[in-house]
Structure formats: structure tokens, C-alpha cells
Protein backbone atom coordinates (compact mmCIF):
# COMPACT_ATOMS: atom_id res chain seq x y z
CA ASN A 1 58.29 82.42 2.33
CA ALA A 2 56.00 83.42 5.20
CA SER A 3 57.63 86.85 5.40
CA SER A 4 56.80 87.52 1.75
CA LYS A 5 53.06 87.25 2.45
CA LYS A 6 52.40 90.42 4.38
CA ALA A 7 49.23 91.18 6.29
CA ASN A 8 47.16 94.24 5.37
CA ALA A 9 48.41 96.03 8.48
CA GLU A 10 52.03 95.43 7.40
CA ASN A 11 51.32 96.67 3.89
CA PHE A 12 49.58 99.72 5.34
CA ILE A 13 52.64 100.59 7.45
CA THR A 14 54.96 100.14 4.44
CA LYS A 15 52.79 102.48 2.30
CA PHE A 16 52.36 104.85 5.25
CA ALA A 17 56.14 105.16 5.71
CA HIS A 18 56.58 105.68 1.96
CA TYR A 19 54.47 108.87 2.05
CA TYR A 20 54.99 109.83 5.68
CA THR A 21 58.79 110.23 5.52
CA PRO A 22 59.00 112.83 2.70
CA ILE A 23 56.07 114.74 4.20
CA VAL A 24 57.66 115.10 7.66
CA VAL A 25 61.06 116.00 6.14
CA THR A 26 59.37 118.76 4.12
CA ILE A 27 57.53 120.02 7.23
CA ALA A 28 60.83 120.04 9.19
CA ILE A 29 62.49 122.14 6.47
CA LEU A 30 59.55 124.56 6.51
CA ILE A 31 59.78 124.83 10.33
CA ALA A 32 63.49 125.64 10.08
CA VAL A 33 63.20 128.18 7.23
CA LEU A 34 59.80 129.93 7.19
CA PRO A 35 59.44 131.37 10.74
CA PRO A 36 62.88 133.16 10.69
CA LEU A 37 61.95 134.68 7.31
CA LEU A 38 58.40 135.70 8.29
CA LEU A 39 58.68 136.57 11.99
CA ALA A 40 60.98 139.33 13.24
CA GLU A 41 61.49 137.83 16.72
CA ALA A 42 62.22 134.28 15.37
CA THR A 43 65.86 133.19 15.34
CA PHE A 44 67.28 130.79 12.79
CA VAL A 45 69.12 128.71 15.46
CA ASP A 46 65.97 128.26 17.57
CA TYR A 47 63.84 127.02 14.66
CA VAL A 48 66.55 124.75 13.26
CA TYR A 49 66.63 123.15 16.75
CA ARG A 50 62.83 122.78 16.65
CA ALA A 51 63.07 121.25 13.18
CA CYS A 52 65.68 118.76 14.43
CA ILE A 53 63.37 117.79 17.32
CA PHE A 54 60.54 117.37 14.82
CA LEU A 55 62.72 115.15 12.60
CA VAL A 56 63.93 112.96 15.47
CA VAL A 57 60.37 112.42 16.75
CA SER A 58 58.93 111.76 13.32
CA CYS A 59 61.20 108.79 12.52
CA PRO A 60 58.70 105.94 11.85
CA CYS A 61 60.97 103.10 13.05
CA ALA A 62 58.65 102.22 15.98
CA LEU A 63 55.91 101.37 13.49
CA VAL A 64 58.08 99.90 10.74
CA ILE A 65 59.80 97.53 13.19
CA SER A 66 57.09 96.66 15.72
CA VAL A 67 54.20 95.87 13.35
CA PRO A 68 55.99 93.17 11.29
CA LEU A 69 57.62 91.94 14.51
CA SER A 70 54.16 91.45 16.04
CA PHE A 71 53.14 89.21 13.13
CA PHE A 72 56.43 87.29 13.33
CA GLY A 73 55.74 86.86 17.04
CA GLY A 74 52.22 85.59 16.33
CA ILE A 75 53.54 83.09 13.76
CA GLY A 76 56.21 81.96 16.24
CA GLY A 77 53.69 81.63 19.07
CA ALA A 78 51.43 79.56 16.83
CA SER A 79 54.31 77.26 15.86
CA LYS A 80 54.93 76.55 19.55
CA GLN A 81 51.37 75.23 19.65
CA GLY A 82 51.87 73.04 16.58
CA ILE A 83 50.14 75.43 14.18
CA LEU A 84 52.06 76.33 11.02
CA LEU A 85 51.02 79.66 9.49
CA LYS A 86 52.41 80.37 6.02
CA GLY A 87 52.12 84.16 6.23
CA GLY A 88 51.09 87.13 8.35
CA ASN A 89 48.15 87.77 6.01
CA TYR A 90 46.59 84.44 7.05
CA LEU A 91 47.10 85.30 10.71
CA GLU A 92 45.22 88.54 10.15
CA ALA A 93 42.49 86.80 8.14
CA LEU A 94 41.94 84.24 10.92
CA ALA A 95 40.81 87.05 13.19
CA HIS A 96 38.08 88.00 10.70
CA VAL A 97 36.67 84.54 9.88
CA SER A 98 32.88 84.57 9.52
CA THR A 99 32.32 81.02 8.23
CA ILE A 100 34.30 77.81 8.73
CA VAL A 101 33.62 74.91 6.36
CA PHE A 102 34.64 71.43 7.52
CA ASP A 103 35.35 68.19 5.77
CA LYS A 104 34.05 65.22 7.83
CA THR A 105 36.33 62.20 7.58
CA GLY A 106 39.70 62.73 9.23
CA THR A 107 38.80 66.29 10.21
CA LEU A 108 35.77 66.13 12.50
CA THR A 109 35.96 62.36 12.85
CA GLU A 110 39.01 60.25 13.62
CA GLY A 111 39.11 58.62 10.21
CA GLN A 112 39.71 55.28 11.91
CA PHE A 113 36.94 53.24 10.40
CA GLU A 114 35.76 49.82 11.52
CA VAL A 115 33.67 47.32 9.60
CA GLN A 116 30.44 46.96 11.58
CA LYS A 117 28.57 44.63 9.27
CA ILE A 118 29.11 42.47 6.18
CA CYS A 119 26.10 41.51 4.07
CA ALA A 120 26.71 39.14 1.13
CA ASN A 121 24.37 38.38 -1.76
CA ASN A 122 24.66 35.02 -3.62
CA ILE A 123 28.20 34.48 -2.30
CA SER A 124 29.62 33.80 1.18
CA GLU A 125 30.70 36.61 3.50
CA ALA A 126 34.24 35.19 3.45
CA GLU A 127 34.38 35.41 -0.36
CA LEU A 128 32.94 38.92 -0.33
CA LEU A 129 35.46 40.06 2.28
CA GLU A 130 38.42 38.46 0.49
CA MET A 131 37.76 39.90 -2.97
CA THR A 132 36.92 43.34 -1.60
CA ALA A 133 40.03 43.41 0.62
CA LEU A 134 42.19 42.47 -2.39
CA LEU A 135 40.83 45.44 -4.33
CA GLU A 136 40.85 47.89 -1.42
CA SER A 137 44.48 47.02 -0.59
CA PHE A 138 45.52 49.32 -3.46
CA SER A 139 43.98 52.36 -1.73
CA HIS A 140 45.23 54.35 1.26
CA HIS A 141 41.76 55.72 2.07
CA PRO A 142 40.73 55.06 5.71
CA ILE A 143 37.60 53.19 4.58
CA ALA A 144 39.69 50.93 2.35
CA ARG A 145 42.15 50.27 5.18
CA SER A 146 39.30 49.24 7.50
CA ILE A 147 38.19 46.51 5.07
CA VAL A 148 41.77 45.25 4.70
CA THR A 149 42.10 45.22 8.51
CA ALA A 150 38.84 43.27 8.84
CA TYR A 151 40.20 40.67 6.40
CA GLY A 152 43.32 40.29 8.52
CA LYS A 153 45.24 37.94 6.20
CA ASP A 154 48.15 38.29 3.80
CA ILE A 155 47.11 39.84 0.50
CA ASP A 156 48.36 38.88 -2.92
CA GLN A 157 47.79 42.00 -5.03
CA ASN A 158 48.75 40.06 -8.17
CA LYS A 159 45.24 38.60 -8.12
CA ILE A 160 43.89 42.04 -9.12
CA ILE A 161 44.81 43.54 -12.48
CA ASP A 162 43.86 46.81 -14.21
CA MET A 163 43.10 48.51 -10.87
CA LYS A 164 41.67 52.04 -11.13
CA GLU A 165 40.85 54.46 -8.32
CA ILE A 166 37.92 56.69 -9.30
CA ALA A 167 37.96 59.85 -7.15
CA GLY A 168 34.70 60.30 -5.27
CA TYR A 169 33.33 56.93 -6.43
CA GLY A 170 35.56 54.01 -5.38
CA LEU A 171 37.76 51.34 -6.96
CA ALA A 172 37.54 49.13 -10.02
CA GLY A 173 39.68 46.18 -11.09
CA ASN A 174 39.74 42.79 -12.72
CA TYR A 175 39.50 39.73 -10.45
CA GLN A 176 39.68 36.22 -11.92
CA GLY A 177 38.93 37.63 -15.36
CA LYS A 178 35.81 39.51 -14.28
CA GLU A 179 35.12 43.14 -13.35
CA LEU A 180 35.17 43.88 -9.60
CA LEU A 181 33.82 47.16 -8.20
CA ALA A 182 33.82 48.53 -4.65
CA GLY A 183 32.50 51.96 -3.83
CA ASN A 184 29.43 54.10 -3.33
CA GLN A 185 25.99 54.01 -4.88
CA LYS A 186 27.07 56.35 -7.68
CA LEU A 187 29.74 53.87 -8.79
CA MET A 188 27.16 51.08 -9.01
CA CYS A 189 24.74 53.29 -10.95
CA GLN A 190 27.54 54.29 -13.32
CA HIS A 191 28.05 50.60 -14.15
CA HIS A 192 24.29 49.87 -14.31
CA ILE A 193 24.28 47.56 -11.29
CA GLU A 194 20.90 47.49 -9.51
CA LEU A 195 20.98 47.80 -5.72
CA PRO A 196 18.38 46.77 -3.14
CA GLU A 197 17.00 49.39 -0.75
CA ILE A 198 19.26 49.42 2.31
CA ASN A 199 18.52 51.30 5.55
CA GLU A 200 21.72 51.31 7.55
CA ILE A 201 23.36 54.00 9.71
CA GLY A 202 26.97 54.26 8.62
CA THR A 203 29.09 54.50 5.50
CA LEU A 204 28.08 51.88 2.95
CA VAL A 205 30.56 50.28 0.56
CA TYR A 206 28.75 48.41 -2.21
CA VAL A 207 30.45 45.59 -4.10
CA GLY A 208 29.72 44.55 -7.67
CA TYR A 209 31.24 41.51 -9.40
CA ASP A 210 30.73 40.39 -12.99
CA HIS A 211 28.07 43.13 -13.46
CA GLN A 212 26.07 41.81 -10.48
CA TYR A 213 25.50 43.19 -6.98
CA VAL A 214 27.18 40.81 -4.49
CA GLY A 215 26.89 42.62 -1.15
CA TYR A 216 27.83 45.60 0.99
CA PHE A 217 29.84 46.65 4.05
CA VAL A 218 28.64 48.95 6.84
CA ILE A 219 31.54 51.05 8.13
CA ARG A 220 31.43 53.58 10.93
CA ASP A 221 33.75 56.26 12.26
CA ARG A 222 34.14 57.99 15.65
CA LEU A 223 34.03 61.72 16.36
CA LYS A 224 37.39 63.30 17.18
CA GLU A 225 37.95 64.29 20.78
CA GLY A 226 37.08 67.95 21.23
CA SER A 227 35.40 68.40 17.84
CA LYS A 228 31.93 68.95 19.32
CA GLU A 229 33.26 71.47 21.86
CA THR A 230 35.16 73.28 19.10
CA ILE A 231 32.03 73.66 16.97
CA GLN A 232 30.07 74.99 19.96
CA ALA A 233 32.84 77.46 20.85
CA LEU A 234 32.95 78.76 17.26
CA GLN A 235 29.18 79.24 17.21
CA LYS A 236 29.37 81.24 20.45
CA GLN A 237 31.68 83.60 18.53
CA GLN A 238 28.93 83.99 15.87
CA ILE A 239 30.95 81.95 13.35
CA HIS A 240 28.77 79.99 10.92
CA THR A 241 29.70 76.30 10.61
CA VAL A 242 29.21 74.18 7.47
CA MET A 243 30.10 70.58 6.62
CA LEU A 244 30.94 69.34 3.12
CA THR A 245 31.33 65.59 2.73
CA GLY A 246 31.22 62.87 0.14
CA ASP A 247 29.54 60.59 2.67
CA GLN A 248 25.91 59.52 2.54
CA LYS A 249 23.21 61.96 3.56
CA GLY A 250 22.05 59.92 6.56
CA VAL A 251 25.56 59.54 8.00
CA ALA A 252 26.44 63.19 7.35
CA GLN A 253 23.24 64.44 8.98
CA MET A 254 23.75 62.18 12.00
CA VAL A 255 27.26 63.57 12.58
CA ALA A 256 26.07 67.15 12.02
CA ASP A 257 23.18 66.75 14.47
CA GLU A 258 25.47 65.26 17.10
CA MET A 259 27.93 68.13 16.77
CA GLY A 260 25.44 70.95 16.19
CA ILE A 261 26.71 71.96 12.75
CA GLU A 262 24.22 74.32 11.11
CA THR A 263 24.53 73.50 7.39
CA VAL A 264 25.35 70.13 5.78
CA TYR A 265 26.04 69.20 2.16
CA SER A 266 26.55 65.47 1.58
CA GLU A 267 27.30 63.00 -1.23
CA LEU A 268 29.65 65.49 -2.87
CA LEU A 269 32.42 64.75 -5.34
CA PRO A 270 35.62 66.85 -5.06
CA GLN A 271 34.42 69.23 -7.78
CA ASP A 272 31.04 69.53 -6.02
CA LYS A 273 32.80 70.70 -2.86
CA VAL A 274 34.52 73.45 -4.85
CA SER A 275 31.18 74.47 -6.41
CA ARG A 276 29.47 74.68 -2.99
CA LEU A 277 32.33 76.74 -1.58
CA GLU A 278 32.25 79.11 -4.55
CA GLU A 279 28.51 79.62 -4.02
CA MET A 280 29.19 80.61 -0.41
CA MET A 281 32.01 82.95 -1.45
CA GLN A 282 29.76 84.70 -3.97
CA GLN A 283 27.13 85.32 -1.28
CA LYS A 284 29.50 86.62 1.43
CA GLN A 285 30.13 90.27 2.23
CA LYS A 286 33.38 91.85 1.02
CA LYS A 287 35.14 91.83 4.41
CA GLU A 288 33.94 88.37 5.46
CA VAL A 289 36.43 85.50 5.44
CA ILE A 290 35.59 81.86 4.71
CA ALA A 291 37.96 79.14 5.95
CA PHE A 292 37.95 75.49 4.91
CA VAL A 293 39.33 72.71 7.14
CA GLY A 294 40.23 69.40 5.49
CA ASP A 295 42.85 66.69 5.24
CA GLY A 296 42.50 64.51 2.13
CA MET A 297 43.80 64.74 -1.42
CA ASN A 298 40.19 65.34 -2.52
CA ASP A 299 40.13 68.44 -0.29
CA ALA A 300 43.14 70.08 -1.97
CA PRO A 301 41.08 72.03 -4.58
CA VAL A 302 38.76 73.40 -1.87
CA LEU A 303 41.67 74.29 0.41
CA ALA A 304 43.23 76.24 -2.45
CA ARG A 305 39.95 78.03 -3.29
CA ALA A 306 38.99 79.14 0.24
CA ASP A 307 40.12 82.47 1.72
CA ILE A 308 42.04 80.39 4.28
CA GLY A 309 42.79 76.71 3.76
CA ILE A 310 43.49 74.82 6.99
CA ALA A 311 44.92 71.29 6.68
CA MET A 312 45.43 68.51 9.19
CA GLY A 313 49.19 67.91 9.10
CA GLN A 314 49.47 64.48 10.68
CA SER A 315 46.90 62.52 8.69
CA GLY A 316 46.60 64.98 5.80
CA SER A 317 47.78 64.19 2.29
CA ASP A 318 50.85 65.92 0.85
CA ALA A 319 48.64 67.73 -1.67
CA ALA A 320 46.40 69.15 1.09
CA ILE A 321 49.36 70.30 3.19
CA GLU A 322 51.05 71.88 0.15
CA VAL A 323 48.09 74.08 -0.84
CA ALA A 324 46.91 74.92 2.70
CA ASP A 325 47.62 78.31 4.26
CA VAL A 326 47.53 76.95 7.81
CA VAL A 327 48.60 73.46 8.91
CA ILE A 328 47.57 71.93 12.26
CA MET A 329 50.45 69.55 12.85
CA LYS A 330 48.87 67.10 15.34
CA ASP A 331 45.36 66.95 13.84
CA ASP A 332 43.82 68.37 17.04
CA ILE A 333 40.72 70.25 15.87
CA ARG A 334 40.78 72.28 19.12
CA LYS A 335 43.90 74.04 17.79
CA LEU A 336 41.51 76.05 15.59
CA LEU A 337 40.42 77.94 18.69
CA VAL A 338 44.06 78.41 19.74
CA ALA A 339 44.93 79.77 16.27
CA GLN A 340 42.03 82.22 16.46
CA LYS A 341 43.05 83.34 19.93
CA ILE A 342 46.62 83.96 18.75
CA ALA A 343 45.34 85.86 15.68
CA ASN A 344 43.09 88.11 17.79
CA LYS A 345 45.87 88.75 20.31
CA THR A 346 48.38 89.59 17.55
CA LEU A 347 46.03 92.06 15.87
CA SER A 348 45.29 93.64 19.24
CA ILE A 349 49.04 94.14 19.84
CA VAL A 350 49.48 95.60 16.32
CA LYS A 351 46.67 98.12 16.95
CA GLN A 352 48.12 99.02 20.37
CA ASN A 353 51.53 99.72 18.82
CA ILE A 354 50.10 101.82 16.00
CA VAL A 355 47.92 103.95 18.33
CA PHE A 356 50.64 104.30 20.99
CA ALA A 357 53.47 105.16 18.57
CA LEU A 358 51.46 107.62 16.47
CA GLY A 359 49.82 109.19 19.54
CA VAL A 360 53.09 109.92 21.34
CA LYS A 361 54.88 111.05 18.17
CA ILE A 362 52.13 113.43 17.07
CA LEU A 363 51.96 114.95 20.58
CA ILE A 364 55.74 115.50 20.81
CA MET A 365 55.94 116.77 17.20
CA ILE A 366 53.32 119.42 17.94
CA LEU A 367 55.05 120.41 21.17
CA GLY A 368 58.44 120.45 19.40
CA ALA A 369 57.14 122.69 16.59
CA PHE A 370 55.96 125.22 19.20
CA GLY A 371 59.20 125.01 21.18
CA GLU A 372 57.64 123.20 24.17
CA ALA A 373 59.63 119.95 23.81
CA THR A 374 63.35 119.28 24.31
CA MET A 375 65.65 116.97 22.38
CA TRP A 376 65.54 114.48 25.26
CA GLU A 377 61.79 114.20 24.92
CA ALA A 378 62.25 113.79 21.17
CA VAL A 379 64.74 110.97 21.74
CA PHE A 380 62.24 109.23 24.04
CA ALA A 381 59.45 109.69 21.47
CA ASP A 382 61.69 107.98 18.90
CA VAL A 383 63.93 105.40 20.59
CA GLY A 384 61.89 104.99 23.79
CA VAL A 385 58.63 104.49 21.94
CA ALA A 386 60.34 102.05 19.55
CA VAL A 387 61.71 99.98 22.45
CA ILE A 388 58.32 99.94 24.22
CA ALA A 389 56.52 98.97 20.98
CA ILE A 390 59.06 96.19 20.30
CA LEU A 391 58.70 94.84 23.87
CA ASN A 392 54.93 94.91 23.42
CA ALA A 393 55.29 93.08 20.07
CA THR A 394 57.22 90.24 21.73
CA ARG A 395 54.08 89.45 23.76
CA ALA A 396 52.71 87.86 20.59
CA LEU A 397 55.28 85.07 21.05
CA LYS A 398 53.44 83.94 24.17
CA SER A 399 50.68 81.76 22.80
CA GLU A 400 48.97 81.25 26.14
């Protein structure tokens, strides 16, 4: 499948060969036929020999083989580093990225949440924790798992009926015959539950029971190792960094400030993330490339919409991995820099092969047309150049 998604350079070489081959064959025929007819001193045998030299040199195999081979080498080198690229076009696009947009949870942060504080209202903390853990046990979201872990007891999911997961809001279910809600502020507002003013640093999970506010949880996450250094390295390359998250504004801004991310959009639903990305894509220049890095099911629409979608393969959802163009298998955010390095190196090798092959061929073709090149030189300009270009292309396999 990867081979079917050709980079622009590969497509250029395919189109180039399509026109190049009939042109050089026509020129070779003209070299063989016209001079003996127009010039008295020209012999037919001499100019047929020159035409044969011209034909041998002009064979485009060095380009047609080495350019795709360079991209295959780049894809192979990336796979050695745990980076799955689904096509040469994405490898090429990585080298031209101007903006990288990040999800927060599970991408820049570890996604291993811990309950830092439980605050109950009109019920005990133990009751609040138990009913919330029962509801959250139906979800695989890292925040939900942290509450279940904090509860630490066996859970009987039969106590919850009519459970619904509302993307970007939270969970709803029926507990002991009454409505139980656990989620963000928007979920509470949607169900007309009044909340007190709370000033806490962290992700807040509000709980509503029987149409009443009954408490909240403060949950915090840790930054991934190397995420701050990765952001700084990208900015040194003049790459603009943006964060899109469904988390609260205070938490999002705190993480962004700690990492040095330039632009932050918080409290976004999945469709809001797509809208923000589309705004950025409308404002970009034609040759600029915007990449999105995410891991969750909610990120799948944004991964599909971006010029390059990059998913975390270890913790990422199946939907995110399916639609992504690049998958980082071990969730190491520093692999972004490795992928970029491989992309730049691969494009450099492709350009070297194109310039070298065309330069030598054009020189020998001109010399051959004027009778200054032998067949041995023509063979070198064809086979020798092809071998050298192929050897150069294999350097792309070395990811270091």
C-alpha cells in the first residue's frame, strides 16, 4: 500500500521518463540520419555509432530506479526506528512541515492520570468515589481509569444501567434508579446542574446525581519524557507549534507554558478540533504542510483532515492508527525529530541522484553527439551511474 502513494519526486520522474524516452529516441534517429544526408564528409557508420552512444547514455534507468529506491530506503530506515510511514509522499511532506499541531493527553503528557483530590458535597467521599468509579468503569479513557484505580475495589457494573458515553463531555447512567453524571462543566450545564466556583490546577471531573451537584475530582497528568525538548527543537527549526485539547483552559495553558508551545486552544470537542485545524489550513501558504499528532479516538477526524496525521501507536486507538499517515510505534514523542531527520536525509539523497545522473548523462550525450565520447564512456554513463545512484540510495536505509 505504501508503494502506491508516491512522493512528488517519484511522480516527477515517472512523468519525466514518459516524455524523455521518446524525445531522446527521436534525437538519436536524427543524429544517425541527418548529418550523412546534409554533410558531405559525414559517414553513415560514424553517425549511427554516435547515435548508439547517445541512446545508451540516455537510458533513464538511473533515475527511474534510484529515486523510488531512495524513498523505500527512507521508509525502511524509519521502520527500524519504530516509525511506520504509509507512503513516500508522507516522507516527502515531513521535510516541508511548517506547523505541527499536538493533542495533549497521551501525546505530550503520559496519559497516566492520578486522582489528586476528592471533594464531596452532601455525601461522603467514599460514596462519591464508589458511584463515580462504577460509572467510569465502562470507559477506557485514561481519566476514567484513574478514578477506577483510586477506588481500588471490585466493581459490579450491573449496578449501572443505561450507560452512555458522550464524546467530549463525559458519561451518563442510571444508578439506584436515579441519573448519575460524571464529566466536564459542559456536561453539567447541559443537564442544568449548577456548579460552585472552583479554582483548582488540574483536570476536573464533576459529578451530578439525581439532578444535583455532589462533588468533583481533581486529576493531574505528567509530561512525557522528552516532550519539552522536542518542542524546543522544532521551534529552533522555525516550525510553529500549536496545542488542541479538550482539557480546561487553566490546565492547557499551564502545560503549554511549561513546554513553550506558542498557541493553545482548549476546551474543544472533537468537531471543534477539526474546525480549528481547518482554519489553520485555510490561512497557510500553498506549499506549507500542517501535521497533527494525536492518539485518541476523538483525534481520528483531525488526523484524517491534516496534511500529515501522526498517531501514537502504543497507546493510540485503532481508529487513530487506521487514519494516520505516520505511526510512532512506541509513543516516544522524540521520534518526531528522528522522522524529520530521515525525511530530510532521504530528500537530499533523491536530489543528489537526480543532479548527478542528469549531469553526467547530459555531458556524455553532448560529447557523444559530437564524436568525443566512446561506447565505454556511454556504458559508464548508463550502468555506472545507475550503480552509483543505487548505492547512494541505499544510504537512506541508515536512519542514524
